[in-house]
Amino acid sequence: MPEKPAPAVIGGYKVVCHTSIDSRHRFTGKTKQFVRGELMGAMSGLAICQPDKTDEFYLFGCDPDWNVVTDSLHQSLSEAKEQAEFEYDGVTQTWENLTNSN
């Protein structure tokens, strides 16, 4: 779980919403993500971010300092949130919004 609040920008993109991953969540393991050949486990936090001038959203898995470890690109905010719930049961109830994106 990150020890500091989420910043307004993660991975170079504005944060729409974020959540720390903690005892409120269950990492499902349904999605296998590899970084430099290593299978990643549960992240410390999740952030959904939006690049400027696009309708797309990134779902970022973050380390305790909100650095991006994993990412997936989605065509809508709802798709990104659905993917997050697929990966972490309970995350739907814990999102914290930083902007007014829908």
Protein backbone atom coordinates (compact mmCIF):
# COMPACT_ATOMS: atom_id res chain seq x y z
CA MET A 1 0.00 0.00 0.00
CA PRO A 2 1.42 3.43 -0.92
CA GLU A 3 2.50 5.47 2.08
CA LYS A 4 1.92 8.84 0.44
CA PRO A 5 -1.12 10.31 -1.34
CA ALA A 6 -1.41 9.75 -5.07
CA PRO A 7 0.01 12.60 -7.13
CA ALA A 8 -2.06 14.45 -9.75
CA VAL A 9 0.12 12.99 -12.53
CA ILE A 10 1.31 9.38 -12.82
CA GLY A 11 3.24 8.01 -15.78
CA GLY A 12 3.09 11.45 -17.39
CA TYR A 13 -0.74 11.48 -17.48
CA LYS A 14 -3.37 13.15 -15.31
CA VAL A 15 -4.87 10.91 -12.64
CA VAL A 16 -8.61 10.46 -12.94
CA CYS A 17 -8.97 8.11 -9.97
CA HIS A 18 -6.79 5.94 -7.77
CA THR A 19 -6.90 3.50 -4.88
CA SER A 20 -4.41 1.92 -2.56
CA ILE A 21 -4.51 -1.87 -2.60
CA ASP A 22 -4.97 -3.24 0.91
CA SER A 23 -7.10 -5.63 2.97
CA ARG A 24 -10.27 -4.27 1.30
CA HIS A 25 -9.19 -6.00 -1.92
CA ARG A 26 -8.37 -9.48 -3.17
CA PHE A 27 -5.77 -9.86 -5.90
CA THR A 28 -7.39 -12.35 -8.28
CA GLY A 29 -4.38 -13.35 -10.37
CA LYS A 30 -6.72 -13.56 -13.38
CA THR A 31 -4.40 -11.33 -15.41
CA LYS A 32 -0.76 -12.29 -15.81
CA GLN A 33 1.54 -9.30 -16.24
CA PHE A 34 5.26 -9.65 -16.86
CA VAL A 35 7.90 -6.95 -16.43
CA ARG A 36 11.35 -7.77 -17.78
CA GLY A 37 10.41 -11.46 -17.77
CA GLU A 38 9.23 -11.47 -14.15
CA LEU A 39 5.61 -12.31 -13.28
CA MET A 40 4.14 -9.47 -11.26
CA GLY A 41 1.99 -10.03 -8.18
CA ALA A 42 -0.34 -7.59 -6.46
CA MET A 43 0.47 -3.92 -6.81
CA SER A 44 0.51 -1.39 -3.96
CA GLY A 45 -1.90 0.94 -5.73
CA LEU A 46 -3.93 1.38 -8.90
CA ALA A 47 -4.42 4.58 -10.86
CA ILE A 48 -6.53 5.31 -13.90
CA CYS A 49 -4.97 8.09 -15.94
CA GLN A 50 -5.93 9.86 -19.14
CA PRO A 51 -3.57 11.17 -21.78
CA ASP A 52 -4.29 14.73 -22.95
CA LYS A 53 -6.70 15.13 -25.86
CA THR A 54 -7.75 11.47 -26.00
CA ASP A 55 -10.73 9.43 -24.91
CA GLU A 56 -8.49 6.54 -23.82
CA PHE A 57 -7.48 5.62 -20.28
CA TYR A 58 -4.52 3.78 -18.79
CA LEU A 59 -4.89 1.47 -15.83
CA PHE A 60 -1.58 1.64 -14.01
CA GLY A 61 -0.42 -0.78 -11.33
CA CYS A 62 1.90 1.17 -9.04
CA ASP A 63 4.58 0.56 -6.44
CA PRO A 64 4.43 2.18 -2.95
CA ASP A 65 5.78 5.48 -4.38
CA TRP A 66 3.13 5.60 -7.15
CA ASN A 67 5.68 4.70 -9.84
CA VAL A 68 4.16 2.77 -12.74
CA VAL A 69 4.99 -0.94 -12.75
CA THR A 70 2.26 -2.32 -15.06
CA ASP A 71 -0.16 -0.77 -17.51
CA SER A 72 -3.07 -1.55 -19.79
CA LEU A 73 -4.84 0.76 -22.24
CA HIS A 74 -8.65 1.00 -22.36
CA GLN A 75 -11.11 2.74 -24.65
CA SER A 76 -13.22 4.14 -21.79
CA LEU A 77 -13.09 4.86 -18.09
CA SER A 78 -15.68 2.16 -17.45
CA GLU A 79 -13.54 -0.42 -19.30
CA ALA A 80 -10.51 0.51 -17.19
CA LYS A 81 -12.57 0.18 -14.00
CA GLU A 82 -13.98 -3.17 -15.12
CA GLN A 83 -10.45 -4.45 -15.76
CA ALA A 84 -9.34 -3.24 -12.34
CA GLU A 85 -12.22 -5.10 -10.67
CA PHE A 86 -11.34 -8.22 -12.71
CA GLU A 87 -7.81 -8.02 -11.29
CA TYR A 88 -8.69 -6.87 -7.74
CA ASP A 89 -12.02 -7.84 -6.19
CA GLY A 90 -13.46 -4.95 -4.21
CA VAL A 91 -11.69 -2.11 -6.00
CA THR A 92 -14.96 -0.71 -7.40
CA GLN A 93 -15.90 0.53 -3.92
CA THR A 94 -12.58 2.21 -3.12
CA TRP A 95 -11.78 4.51 -6.06
CA GLU A 96 -10.89 8.07 -5.09
CA ASN A 97 -11.46 10.67 -7.81
CA LEU A 98 -8.97 13.42 -8.61
CA THR A 99 -10.73 14.92 -11.65
CA ASN A 100 -14.22 15.12 -13.02
CA SER A 101 -13.72 12.71 -15.95
CA ASN A 102 -16.48 10.20 -16.64
